[in-house]
């Protein structure tokens, strides 16, 4: 499998797990816990050091703040 095909596969699976139908934001929470975090986007971005997997999310207690988490792809 080519590297770009692998990245596309990983990205598609993460979007399936973390986003709602049609790529809409999806609230996340453990069973029986409050759903406070909403994942808004999952994407790959190119940087000089290489590709990064980026997850953008919002804490519903701070709805005006968009947070992000990234890791090497």
PDB file of N, CA and C in Angstrom:
ATOM      1  N   UNK A   1       0.844  -1.170   0.000  1.00  0.00           N
ATOM      2  CA  UNK A   1       0.000   0.000   0.000  1.00  0.00           C
ATOM      3  C   UNK A   1       0.896   1.242   0.000  1.00  0.00           C
ATOM      4  N   UNK A   2       0.613   2.161  -0.893  1.00  0.00           N
ATOM      5  CA  UNK A   2       1.365   3.416  -0.956  1.00  0.00           C
ATOM      6  C   UNK A   2       1.131   4.238   0.302  1.00  0.00           C
ATOM      7  N   UNK A   3       2.113   5.058   0.637  1.00  0.00           N
ATOM      8  CA  UNK A   3       2.014   5.890   1.842  1.00  0.00           C
ATOM      9  C   UNK A   3       0.777   6.784   1.812  1.00  0.00           C
ATOM     10  N   UNK A   4       0.497   7.415   0.674  1.00  0.00           N
ATOM     11  CA  UNK A   4      -0.669   8.310   0.582  1.00  0.00           C
ATOM     12  C   UNK A   4      -1.968   7.520   0.716  1.00  0.00           C
ATOM     13  N   UNK A   5      -2.013   6.311   0.179  1.00  0.00           N
ATOM     14  CA  UNK A   5      -3.206   5.469   0.336  1.00  0.00           C
ATOM     15  C   UNK A   5      -3.408   5.095   1.801  1.00  0.00           C
ATOM     16  N   UNK A   6      -2.310   4.786   2.483  1.00  0.00           N
ATOM     17  CA  UNK A   6      -2.381   4.443   3.896  1.00  0.00           C
ATOM     18  C   UNK A   6      -2.891   5.635   4.704  1.00  0.00           C
ATOM     19  N   UNK A   7      -2.343   6.822   4.448  1.00  0.00           N
ATOM     20  CA  UNK A   7      -2.790   8.027   5.153  1.00  0.00           C
ATOM     21  C   UNK A   7      -4.274   8.290   4.899  1.00  0.00           C
ATOM     22  N   UNK A   8      -4.708   8.126   3.664  1.00  0.00           N
ATOM     23  CA  UNK A   8      -6.133   8.324   3.346  1.00  0.00           C
ATOM     24  C   UNK A   8      -7.003   7.316   4.085  1.00  0.00           C
ATOM     25  N   UNK A   9      -6.541   6.084   4.192  1.00  0.00           N
ATOM     26  CA  UNK A   9      -7.289   5.044   4.907  1.00  0.00           C
ATOM     27  C   UNK A   9      -7.387   5.387   6.399  1.00  0.00           C
ATOM     28  N   UNK A  10      -6.269   5.779   7.001  1.00  0.00           N
ATOM     29  CA  UNK A  10      -6.252   6.149   8.420  1.00  0.00           C
ATOM     30  C   UNK A  10      -7.161   7.346   8.652  1.00  0.00           C
ATOM     31  N   UNK A  11      -7.083   8.350   7.802  1.00  0.00           N
ATOM     32  CA  UNK A  11      -7.903   9.546   7.935  1.00  0.00           C
ATOM     33  C   UNK A  11      -9.388   9.208   7.809  1.00  0.00           C
ATOM     34  N   UNK A  12      -9.749   8.371   6.861  1.00  0.00           N
ATOM     35  CA  UNK A  12     -11.154   7.975   6.688  1.00  0.00           C
ATOM     36  C   UNK A  12     -11.673   7.235   7.917  1.00  0.00           C
ATOM     37  N   UNK A  13     -10.867   6.346   8.480  1.00  0.00           N
ATOM     38  CA  UNK A  13     -11.299   5.601   9.672  1.00  0.00           C
ATOM     39  C   UNK A  13     -11.446   6.512  10.891  1.00  0.00           C
ATOM     40  N   UNK A  14     -10.505   7.429  11.074  1.00  0.00           N
ATOM     41  CA  UNK A  14     -10.613   8.362  12.192  1.00  0.00           C
ATOM     42  C   UNK A  14     -11.827   9.271  12.045  1.00  0.00           C
ATOM     43  N   UNK A  15     -12.086   9.732  10.831  1.00  0.00           N
ATOM     44  CA  UNK A  15     -13.293  10.545  10.609  1.00  0.00           C
ATOM     45  C   UNK A  15     -14.551   9.744  10.916  1.00  0.00           C
ATOM     46  N   UNK A  16     -14.561   8.477  10.524  1.00  0.00           N
ATOM     47  CA  UNK A  16     -15.718   7.621  10.792  1.00  0.00           C
ATOM     48  C   UNK A  16     -15.939   7.469  12.295  1.00  0.00           C
ATOM     49  N   UNK A  17     -14.855   7.332  13.046  1.00  0.00           N
ATOM     50  CA  UNK A  17     -14.955   7.138  14.491  1.00  0.00           C
ATOM     51  C   UNK A  17     -15.254   8.428  15.255  1.00  0.00           C
ATOM     52  N   UNK A  18     -14.677   9.542  14.810  1.00  0.00           N
ATOM     53  CA  UNK A  18     -14.726  10.773  15.588  1.00  0.00           C
ATOM     54  C   UNK A  18     -15.757  11.799  15.136  1.00  0.00           C
ATOM     55  N   UNK A  19     -16.248  11.664  13.899  1.00  0.00           N
ATOM     56  CA  UNK A  19     -17.224  12.621  13.388  1.00  0.00           C
ATOM     57  C   UNK A  19     -18.579  11.950  13.205  1.00  0.00           C
ATOM     58  N   UNK A  20     -19.612  12.762  13.189  1.00  0.00           N
ATOM     59  CA  UNK A  20     -20.958  12.249  12.976  1.00  0.00           C
ATOM     60  C   UNK A  20     -21.226  12.008  11.500  1.00  0.00           C
ATOM     61  N   UNK A  21     -22.452  11.584  11.165  1.00  0.00           N
ATOM     62  CA  UNK A  21     -22.831  11.340   9.766  1.00  0.00           C
ATOM     63  C   UNK A  21     -22.588  12.577   8.898  1.00  0.00           C
ATOM     64  N   UNK A  22     -22.049  12.353   7.722  1.00  0.00           N
ATOM     65  CA  UNK A  22     -21.783  13.446   6.799  1.00  0.00           C
ATOM     66  C   UNK A  22     -20.662  14.359   7.247  1.00  0.00           C
ATOM     67  N   UNK A  23     -19.814  13.896   8.194  1.00  0.00           N
ATOM     68  CA  UNK A  23     -18.705  14.704   8.669  1.00  0.00           C
ATOM     69  C   UNK A  23     -19.107  15.816   9.618  1.00  0.00           C
ATOM     70  N   UNK A  24     -20.337  15.745  10.134  1.00  0.00           N
ATOM     71  CA  UNK A  24     -20.807  16.773  11.064  1.00  0.00           C
ATOM     72  C   UNK A  24     -20.121  16.603  12.419  1.00  0.00           C
ATOM     73  N   UNK A  25     -20.007  17.710  13.188  1.00  0.00           N
ATOM     74  CA  UNK A  25     -19.424  17.609  14.525  1.00  0.00           C
ATOM     75  C   UNK A  25     -20.160  16.578  15.371  1.00  0.00           C
ATOM     76  N   UNK A  26     -19.403  15.867  16.191  1.00  0.00           N
ATOM     77  CA  UNK A  26     -19.970  14.794  17.005  1.00  0.00           C
ATOM     78  C   UNK A  26     -19.533  14.960  18.458  1.00  0.00           C
ATOM     79  N   UNK A  27     -20.502  14.951  19.389  1.00  0.00           N
ATOM     80  CA  UNK A  27     -20.117  15.010  20.804  1.00  0.00           C
ATOM     81  C   UNK A  27     -19.485  13.693  21.247  1.00  0.00           C
ATOM     82  N   UNK A  28     -18.487  13.795  22.088  1.00  0.00           N
ATOM     83  CA  UNK A  28     -17.817  12.615  22.623  1.00  0.00           C
ATOM     84  C   UNK A  28     -17.984  12.581  24.132  1.00  0.00           C
ATOM     85  N   UNK A  29     -18.141  11.414  24.675  1.00  0.00           N
ATOM     86  CA  UNK A  29     -18.219  11.239  26.116  1.00  0.00           C
ATOM     87  C   UNK A  29     -18.215   9.770  26.448  1.00  0.00           C
ATOM     88  N   UNK A  30     -17.749   9.468  27.614  1.00  0.00           N
ATOM     89  CA  UNK A  30     -17.786   8.086  28.075  1.00  0.00           C
ATOM     90  C   UNK A  30     -19.206   7.720  28.450  1.00  0.00           C
ATOM     91  N   UNK A  31     -19.483   6.443  28.444  1.00  0.00           N
ATOM     92  CA  UNK A  31     -20.809   5.969  28.824  1.00  0.00           C
ATOM     93  C   UNK A  31     -21.128   6.459  30.233  1.00  0.00           C
ATOM     94  N   UNK A  32     -22.258   7.105  30.381  1.00  0.00           N
ATOM     95  CA  UNK A  32     -22.680   7.602  31.676  1.00  0.00           C
ATOM     96  C   UNK A  32     -22.061   8.938  32.064  1.00  0.00           C
ATOM     97  N   UNK A  33     -21.225   9.497  31.192  1.00  0.00           N
ATOM     98  CA  UNK A  33     -20.616  10.794  31.510  1.00  0.00           C
ATOM     99  C   UNK A  33     -21.243  11.879  30.644  1.00  0.00           C
ATOM    100  N   UNK A  34     -20.967  13.079  31.031  1.00  0.00           N
ATOM    101  CA  UNK A  34     -21.452  14.232  30.287  1.00  0.00           C
ATOM    102  C   UNK A  34     -20.665  14.357  28.982  1.00  0.00           C
ATOM    103  N   UNK A  35     -21.354  14.654  27.892  1.00  0.00           N
ATOM    104  CA  UNK A  35     -20.677  14.862  26.614  1.00  0.00           C
ATOM    105  C   UNK A  35     -20.312  16.336  26.507  1.00  0.00           C
ATOM    106  N   UNK A  36     -19.063  16.641  26.821  1.00  0.00           N
ATOM    107  CA  UNK A  36     -18.621  18.027  26.847  1.00  0.00           C
ATOM    108  C   UNK A  36     -17.761  18.404  25.658  1.00  0.00           C
ATOM    109  N   UNK A  37     -17.178  17.445  24.993  1.00  0.00           N
ATOM    110  CA  UNK A  37     -16.258  17.722  23.896  1.00  0.00           C
ATOM    111  C   UNK A  37     -16.925  17.362  22.580  1.00  0.00           C
ATOM    112  N   UNK A  38     -16.816  18.278  21.610  1.00  0.00           N
ATOM    113  CA  UNK A  38     -17.360  18.045  20.280  1.00  0.00           C
ATOM    114  C   UNK A  38     -16.202  18.084  19.287  1.00  0.00           C
ATOM    115  N   UNK A  39     -15.991  16.993  18.569  1.00  0.00           N
ATOM    116  CA  UNK A  39     -14.959  16.954  17.529  1.00  0.00           C
ATOM    117  C   UNK A  39     -15.537  17.619  16.288  1.00  0.00           C
ATOM    118  N   UNK A  40     -14.817  18.621  15.768  1.00  0.00           N
ATOM    119  CA  UNK A  40     -15.310  19.376  14.626  1.00  0.00           C
ATOM    120  C   UNK A  40     -14.635  19.006  13.313  1.00  0.00           C
ATOM    121  N   UNK A  41     -13.384  18.542  13.368  1.00  0.00           N
ATOM    122  CA  UNK A  41     -12.701  18.206  12.122  1.00  0.00           C
ATOM    123  C   UNK A  41     -11.535  17.269  12.421  1.00  0.00           C
ATOM    124  N   UNK A  42     -11.252  16.413  11.463  1.00  0.00           N
ATOM    125  CA  UNK A  42     -10.089  15.523  11.495  1.00  0.00           C
ATOM    126  C   UNK A  42      -9.459  15.638  10.113  1.00  0.00           C
ATOM    127  N   UNK A  43      -8.162  15.976  10.070  1.00  0.00           N
ATOM    128  CA  UNK A  43      -7.527  16.173   8.764  1.00  0.00           C
ATOM    129  C   UNK A  43      -6.032  15.932   8.831  1.00  0.00           C
ATOM    130  N   UNK A  44      -5.430  15.843   7.654  1.00  0.00           N
ATOM    131  CA  UNK A  44      -3.975  15.752   7.507  1.00  0.00           C
ATOM    132  C   UNK A  44      -3.491  17.105   7.013  1.00  0.00           C
ATOM    133  N   UNK A  45      -2.358  17.551   7.550  1.00  0.00           N
ATOM    134  CA  UNK A  45      -1.749  18.788   7.094  1.00  0.00           C
ATOM    135  C   UNK A  45      -0.277  18.544   6.820  1.00  0.00           C
ATOM    136  N   UNK A  46       0.236  19.198   5.789  1.00  0.00           N
ATOM    137  CA  UNK A  46       1.648  19.089   5.432  1.00  0.00           C
ATOM    138  C   UNK A  46       2.448  20.160   6.150  1.00  0.00           C
ATOM    139  N   UNK A  47       3.544  19.755   6.752  1.00  0.00           N
ATOM    140  CA  UNK A  47       4.497  20.650   7.394  1.00  0.00           C
ATOM    141  C   UNK A  47       5.876  20.294   6.859  1.00  0.00           C
ATOM    142  N   UNK A  48       6.846  21.196   6.977  1.00  0.00           N
ATOM    143  CA  UNK A  48       8.195  20.872   6.486  1.00  0.00           C
ATOM    144  C   UNK A  48       8.753  19.582   7.087  1.00  0.00           C
ATOM    145  N   UNK A  49       8.367  19.278   8.329  1.00  0.00           N
ATOM    146  CA  UNK A  49       8.865  18.071   8.999  1.00  0.00           C
ATOM    147  C   UNK A  49       8.136  16.810   8.546  1.00  0.00           C
ATOM    148  N   UNK A  50       7.010  16.968   7.858  1.00  0.00           N
ATOM    149  CA  UNK A  50       6.215  15.825   7.407  1.00  0.00           C
ATOM    150  C   UNK A  50       4.724  16.068   7.629  1.00  0.00           C
ATOM    151  N   UNK A  51       3.942  15.046   7.374  1.00  0.00           N
ATOM    152  CA  UNK A  51       2.494  15.174   7.532  1.00  0.00           C
ATOM    153  C   UNK A  51       2.089  15.003   8.993  1.00  0.00           C
ATOM    154  N   UNK A  52       1.087  15.775   9.389  1.00  0.00           N
ATOM    155  CA  UNK A  52       0.543  15.710  10.746  1.00  0.00           C
ATOM    156  C   UNK A  52      -0.941  15.380  10.662  1.00  0.00           C
ATOM    157  N   UNK A  53      -1.391  14.560  11.582  1.00  0.00           N
ATOM    158  CA  UNK A  53      -2.807  14.274  11.749  1.00  0.00           C
ATOM    159  C   UNK A  53      -3.322  15.286  12.766  1.00  0.00           C
ATOM    160  N   UNK A  54      -4.367  16.033  12.413  1.00  0.00           N
ATOM    161  CA  UNK A  54      -4.892  17.106  13.255  1.00  0.00           C
ATOM    162  C   UNK A  54      -6.343  16.805  13.615  1.00  0.00           C
ATOM    163  N   UNK A  55      -6.677  16.931  14.902  1.00  0.00           N
ATOM    164  CA  UNK A  55      -8.062  16.798  15.376  1.00  0.00           C
ATOM    165  C   UNK A  55      -8.437  18.137  16.016  1.00  0.00           C
ATOM    166  N   UNK A  56      -9.488  18.774  15.496  1.00  0.00           N
ATOM    167  CA  UNK A  56      -9.986  20.028  16.054  1.00  0.00           C
ATOM    168  C   UNK A  56     -11.241  19.736  16.852  1.00  0.00           C
ATOM    169  N   UNK A  57     -11.316  20.312  18.047  1.00  0.00           N
ATOM    170  CA  UNK A  57     -12.453  20.022  18.928  1.00  0.00           C
ATOM    171  C   UNK A  57     -12.798  21.243  19.767  1.00  0.00           C
ATOM    172  N   UNK A  58     -13.969  21.207  20.366  1.00  0.00           N
ATOM    173  CA  UNK A  58     -14.472  22.306  21.175  1.00  0.00           C
ATOM    174  C   UNK A  58     -14.990  21.762  22.498  1.00  0.00           C
ATOM    175  N   UNK A  59     -14.640  22.413  23.589  1.00  0.00           N
ATOM    176  CA  UNK A  59     -15.193  22.090  24.902  1.00  0.00           C
ATOM    177  C   UNK A  59     -16.469  22.909  25.029  1.00  0.00           C
ATOM    178  N   UNK A  60     -17.596  22.251  25.264  1.00  0.00           N
ATOM    179  CA  UNK A  60     -18.879  22.947  25.289  1.00  0.00           C
ATOM    180  C   UNK A  60     -18.997  23.948  26.431  1.00  0.00           C
ATOM    181  N   UNK A  61     -18.128  23.846  27.430  1.00  0.00           N
ATOM    182  CA  UNK A  61     -18.117  24.852  28.488  1.00  0.00           C
ATOM    183  C   UNK A  61     -17.388  26.123  28.044  1.00  0.00           C
ATOM    184  N   UNK A  62     -16.638  26.015  26.948  1.00  0.00           N
ATOM    185  CA  UNK A  62     -15.928  27.157  26.365  1.00  0.00           C
ATOM    186  C   UNK A  62     -16.163  27.159  24.856  1.00  0.00           C
ATOM    187  N   UNK A  63     -17.405  27.372  24.416  1.00  0.00           N
ATOM    188  CA  UNK A  63     -17.767  27.180  23.013  1.00  0.00           C
ATOM    189  C   UNK A  63     -17.071  28.105  22.017  1.00  0.00           C
ATOM    190  N   UNK A  64     -16.524  29.206  22.464  1.00  0.00           N
ATOM    191  CA  UNK A  64     -15.854  30.118  21.534  1.00  0.00           C
ATOM    192  C   UNK A  64     -14.413  29.723  21.281  1.00  0.00           C
ATOM    193  N   UNK A  65     -13.894  28.761  22.030  1.00  0.00           N
ATOM    194  CA  UNK A  65     -12.501  28.317  21.901  1.00  0.00           C
ATOM    195  C   UNK A  65     -12.433  27.032  21.081  1.00  0.00           C
ATOM    196  N   UNK A  66     -11.669  27.061  20.013  1.00  0.00           N
ATOM    197  CA  UNK A  66     -11.413  25.869  19.206  1.00  0.00           C
ATOM    198  C   UNK A  66     -10.034  25.344  19.587  1.00  0.00           C
ATOM    199  N   UNK A  67      -9.966  24.092  19.976  1.00  0.00           N
ATOM    200  CA  UNK A  67      -8.713  23.461  20.389  1.00  0.00           C
ATOM    201  C   UNK A  67      -8.268  22.493  19.309  1.00  0.00           C
ATOM    202  N   UNK A  68      -7.003  22.156  19.320  1.00  0.00           N
ATOM    203  CA  UNK A  68      -6.479  21.208  18.361  1.00  0.00           C
ATOM    204  C   UNK A  68      -5.472  20.277  19.007  1.00  0.00           C
ATOM    205  N   UNK A  69      -5.357  19.112  18.412  1.00  0.00           N
ATOM    206  CA  UNK A  69      -4.399  18.108  18.854  1.00  0.00           C
ATOM    207  C   UNK A  69      -3.789  17.523  17.592  1.00  0.00           C
ATOM    208  N   UNK A  70      -2.488  17.359  17.588  1.00  0.00           N
ATOM    209  CA  UNK A  70      -1.846  16.823  16.401  1.00  0.00           C
ATOM    210  C   UNK A  70      -0.771  15.818  16.734  1.00  0.00           C
ATOM    211  N   UNK A  71      -0.497  14.960  15.763  1.00  0.00           N
ATOM    212  CA  UNK A  71       0.589  13.988  15.908  1.00  0.00           C
ATOM    213  C   UNK A  71       1.132  13.661  14.531  1.00  0.00           C
ATOM    214  N   UNK A  72       2.374  13.171  14.490  1.00  0.00           N
ATOM    215  CA  UNK A  72       2.968  12.763  13.229  1.00  0.00           C
ATOM    216  C   UNK A  72       2.128  11.682  12.590  1.00  0.00           C
ATOM    217  N   UNK A  73       1.947  11.809  11.292  1.00  0.00           N
ATOM    218  CA  UNK A  73       1.150  10.806  10.562  1.00  0.00           C
ATOM    219  C   UNK A  73       1.990   9.605  10.203  1.00  0.00           C
TER     220      UNK A  73
END
